[in-house]
Protein backbone atom coordinates (compact mmCIF):
# COMPACT_ATOMS: atom_id res chain seq x y z
CA MET A 1 39.41 23.16 -28.40
CA LYS A 2 36.29 22.67 -30.52
CA ILE A 3 35.00 20.04 -28.10
CA LEU A 4 35.72 22.28 -25.14
CA GLY A 5 33.93 25.15 -26.87
CA PHE A 6 30.88 22.96 -27.56
CA ILE A 7 30.73 21.83 -23.94
CA LEU A 8 30.93 25.42 -22.75
CA LEU A 9 28.16 26.39 -25.18
CA VAL A 10 25.90 23.61 -23.89
CA LEU A 11 26.57 24.57 -20.28
CA THR A 12 25.81 28.21 -21.08
CA ILE A 13 22.50 27.34 -22.76
CA THR A 14 21.52 24.99 -19.94
CA SER A 15 22.37 27.52 -17.25
CA CYS A 16 20.19 30.11 -19.02
CA CYS A 17 17.21 27.77 -19.23
CA LYS A 18 14.35 28.53 -16.86
CA SER A 19 11.58 25.96 -16.74
CA LYS A 20 8.08 27.28 -16.24
CA GLN A 21 4.92 25.70 -14.92
CA ILE A 22 2.43 24.88 -17.66
CA ASP A 23 -0.59 24.08 -15.50
CA THR A 24 -1.75 22.70 -12.14
CA ILE A 25 -3.57 19.36 -12.35
CA LEU A 26 -5.74 18.52 -9.33
CA PHE A 27 -8.08 15.67 -8.49
CA SER A 28 -11.71 16.58 -9.11
CA GLU A 29 -14.04 16.50 -6.13
CA SER A 30 -16.00 13.65 -7.74
CA ALA A 31 -12.79 11.61 -8.04
CA LYS A 32 -11.89 12.16 -4.38
CA ASN A 33 -15.42 11.42 -3.20
CA VAL A 34 -15.26 7.75 -4.22
CA ASN A 35 -13.27 7.44 -1.00
CA PRO A 36 -15.58 8.37 1.93
CA TYR A 37 -12.80 8.68 4.52
CA THR A 38 -11.42 11.93 5.87
CA GLY A 39 -8.64 9.99 7.60
CA ASN A 40 -9.81 10.93 11.10
CA GLU A 41 -12.07 7.93 11.56
CA THR A 42 -11.51 4.87 13.75
CA LEU A 43 -12.63 1.68 12.01
CA GLN A 44 -14.01 -1.15 14.13
CA PHE A 45 -14.26 -4.66 12.73
CA VAL A 46 -15.52 -7.93 14.24
CA ASP A 47 -14.11 -11.35 13.32
CA ASP A 48 -15.78 -14.77 13.39
CA SER A 49 -14.97 -15.16 17.10
CA SER A 50 -16.58 -11.78 17.93
CA ASN A 51 -13.19 -10.21 18.61
CA LEU A 52 -13.09 -6.46 18.13
CA ILE A 53 -10.34 -5.31 15.76
CA ILE A 54 -9.66 -1.60 15.60
CA TYR A 55 -7.95 0.34 12.83
CA GLY A 56 -7.04 3.81 14.03
CA ASN A 57 -4.37 6.49 13.56
CA GLY A 58 -6.20 7.40 10.39
CA SER A 59 -4.70 9.91 8.01
CA ARG A 60 -5.55 11.19 4.54
CA SER A 61 -3.15 13.28 2.50
CA THR A 62 -2.26 14.20 -1.06
CA GLU A 63 1.11 14.54 -2.76
CA MET A 64 2.10 17.06 -5.40
CA GLU A 65 4.77 16.38 -8.02
CA GLU A 66 6.42 18.37 -10.79
CA LEU A 67 6.17 16.37 -14.01
CA PRO A 68 8.32 17.67 -16.91
CA GLU A 69 6.76 17.51 -20.37
CA CYS A 70 9.93 16.02 -21.89
CA ASP A 71 12.76 13.67 -20.94
CA GLY A 72 16.06 15.44 -20.39
CA GLY A 73 17.13 18.94 -21.17
CA CYS A 74 15.27 22.06 -20.18
CA CYS A 75 11.57 21.16 -19.88
CA ASP A 76 8.49 23.02 -18.76
CA TYR A 77 6.46 21.09 -16.22
CA TYR A 78 3.01 20.35 -14.83
CA LEU A 79 2.35 20.55 -11.10
CA VAL A 80 0.25 17.44 -10.53
CA GLU A 81 -1.69 16.24 -7.49
CA ASN A 82 -0.71 12.66 -8.21
CA ILE A 83 -1.55 10.59 -5.11
CA ASP A 84 -4.34 10.72 -2.52
CA ASN A 85 -3.58 8.26 0.30
CA THR A 86 -5.68 7.16 3.27
CA ASN A 87 -4.08 4.93 5.91
CA PHE A 88 -5.37 3.14 9.00
CA GLU A 89 -3.23 1.12 11.41
CA SER A 90 -4.03 -1.75 13.77
CA THR A 91 -2.27 -3.88 16.37
CA TYR A 92 -4.03 -6.82 14.71
CA LEU A 93 -1.08 -8.63 13.10
CA THR A 94 0.58 -5.20 13.11
CA SER A 95 -1.33 -4.37 9.95
CA TYR A 96 -2.62 -1.39 8.04
CA LEU A 97 -5.29 -0.64 5.45
CA ARG A 98 -4.63 1.78 2.63
CA THR A 99 -6.93 3.35 0.06
CA THR A 100 -5.12 5.18 -2.75
CA ILE A 101 -6.37 7.34 -5.60
CA LEU A 102 -3.79 7.74 -8.36
CA ASN A 103 -3.84 10.44 -11.01
CA GLN A 104 -3.44 9.14 -14.57
CA PHE A 105 -2.25 12.40 -16.11
CA GLU A 106 -0.10 12.00 -19.23
CA ARG A 107 2.64 14.59 -19.02
CA PHE A 108 3.86 14.23 -22.63
CA GLY A 109 0.49 14.91 -24.23
CA GLY A 110 -1.08 16.83 -21.38
CA ASN A 111 -4.04 14.43 -21.32
CA GLN A 112 -6.06 13.69 -18.19
CA ASN A 113 -7.25 10.09 -18.06
CA SER A 114 -9.55 8.78 -15.37
CA PRO A 115 -7.81 8.47 -11.98
CA ILE A 116 -7.83 4.99 -10.49
CA ILE A 117 -8.61 3.78 -6.98
CA ALA A 118 -6.51 1.03 -5.44
CA PHE A 119 -6.52 -0.81 -2.10
CA SER A 120 -3.92 -2.66 -0.07
CA TRP A 121 -3.71 -4.56 3.21
CA VAL A 122 -0.29 -5.10 4.77
CA TYR A 123 0.73 -6.97 7.90
CA TYR A 124 3.99 -7.70 9.72
CA GLU A 125 3.02 -10.27 12.39
CA ASN A 126 6.27 -12.00 13.50
CA TYR A 127 7.92 -11.88 10.10
CA GLU A 128 10.77 -9.53 9.34
CA ASP A 129 9.32 -8.87 5.90
CA PRO A 130 5.83 -7.36 5.52
CA THR A 131 3.17 -9.27 3.63
CA PHE A 132 1.50 -7.09 1.00
CA THR A 133 -1.90 -7.75 -0.54
CA ASN A 134 -3.00 -5.53 -3.41
CA TYR A 135 -6.57 -5.60 -4.69
CA ALA A 136 -8.28 -5.06 -8.03
CA VAL A 137 -7.86 -1.51 -9.38
CA LEU A 138 -10.83 0.46 -10.74
CA PRO A 139 -11.22 3.76 -12.65
CA VAL A 140 -13.01 6.28 -10.45
CA ASP A 141 -15.32 7.53 -13.24
CA ASP A 142 -16.73 4.06 -13.97
CA MET A 143 -16.18 1.90 -10.91
CA GLU A 144 -19.56 0.16 -11.17
CA GLY A 145 -19.33 -0.45 -14.92
CA VAL A 146 -15.85 -1.97 -14.87
CA ALA A 147 -16.51 -3.97 -11.69
CA THR A 148 -19.77 -5.32 -13.16
CA LYS A 149 -17.97 -6.52 -16.30
CA GLN A 150 -15.40 -8.23 -14.10
CA GLN A 151 -18.15 -9.73 -11.89
CA LEU A 152 -16.84 -7.82 -8.87
CA PHE A 153 -19.96 -5.74 -8.16
CA LYS A 154 -23.08 -6.64 -6.17
CA ASP A 155 -26.23 -4.52 -5.85
CA SER A 156 -26.53 -5.68 -2.24
CA LEU A 157 -24.73 -7.97 0.18
CA ILE A 158 -25.69 -9.15 3.69
CA LEU A 159 -22.85 -9.37 6.21
CA ARG A 160 -23.80 -10.54 9.71
CA ASP A 161 -27.42 -9.42 9.33
CA VAL A 162 -26.44 -6.00 7.94
CA THR A 163 -27.39 -5.23 4.33
CA TYR A 164 -24.94 -3.15 2.31
CA TYR A 165 -25.66 -1.76 -1.12
CA GLN A 166 -23.50 -1.30 -4.21
CA VAL A 167 -20.65 -3.46 -2.93
CA PHE A 168 -17.32 -3.98 -4.67
CA THR A 169 -15.86 -7.45 -3.99
CA LEU A 170 -12.21 -7.03 -4.85
CA PRO A 171 -9.86 -10.03 -5.12
CA GLY A 172 -6.35 -9.66 -3.76
CA VAL A 173 -2.91 -10.78 -4.89
CA CYS A 174 -0.47 -11.48 -2.06
CA SER A 175 3.28 -10.92 -2.16
CA SER A 176 3.75 -14.07 -0.05
CA PRO A 177 0.88 -16.42 -0.98
CA GLY A 178 2.15 -19.11 1.40
CA ARG A 179 1.18 -16.92 4.34
CA PRO A 180 -2.38 -16.21 5.55
CA TYR A 181 -3.81 -13.08 4.01
CA ALA A 182 -7.08 -11.30 3.19
CA ASP A 183 -7.82 -12.49 -0.33
CA THR A 184 -11.01 -10.40 -0.76
CA LEU A 185 -11.71 -6.80 0.24
CA LEU A 186 -15.32 -5.56 0.39
CA TYR A 187 -15.89 -1.86 -0.26
CA THR A 188 -18.65 0.66 -0.79
CA LYS A 189 -18.43 4.33 -1.69
CA ALA A 190 -20.66 5.16 1.28
CA GLU A 191 -18.99 3.14 4.07
CA GLY A 192 -15.50 2.44 2.72
CA VAL A 193 -14.04 -0.96 3.64
CA ILE A 194 -16.87 -3.07 5.05
CA GLY A 195 -15.09 -6.42 5.21
CA LEU A 196 -11.98 -8.53 4.71
CA GLN A 197 -12.29 -12.22 3.82
CA PHE A 198 -9.24 -14.29 4.77
CA THR A 199 -7.77 -17.40 3.20
CA ASP A 200 -8.36 -19.33 6.44
CA GLY A 201 -12.09 -18.58 6.22
CA ASN A 202 -12.17 -15.83 8.84
CA LEU A 203 -14.26 -12.78 7.98
CA LEU A 204 -13.82 -9.29 9.36
CA THR A 205 -16.86 -7.05 9.07
CA LEU A 206 -17.68 -3.56 10.30
CA GLY A 207 -18.91 -3.61 13.88
CA ASN A 208 -22.51 -2.59 14.51
């Protein structure tokens, strides 16, 4: 009977608990602006054989999530804008490009660390399983500083007679390294993705 009474007491307390929202945590405009895309663009690239490769169906969206300040029990929560995704799709190898900004909010302490920006290139080709390539991740409030320390930043870079400035040269890690993939992604805050360098030597650059 004592055990039954304890269980009923716990259920009563739990049923009376009403979690409340502590705060709303949003991306700052400066954090979002490291990604120049609205999601409505059509990206045109040219490869080494002068083939035109188009990435369209662009979309940019954010996701909100309720993050409780404790594990288990009745917890108050933060409403956090935790992901900002931009996607572009192409018939080229049935692939897509994704730029993601991730919030680094610590729900237990309520601390806001610098969001990070991440990039991925995924293709399906004739394989049943997609091939994922994820690139170096950078904090949005010090992209140049961190990339410079890691030797991933160039003041300028010439690609097919076009000069780009403040270029991030991000190495990629592939989920299936035995398959061809883009092992380097080239990015600027002004133009977005300006190039993809492939393991077979082929280079995709923005079309003029």
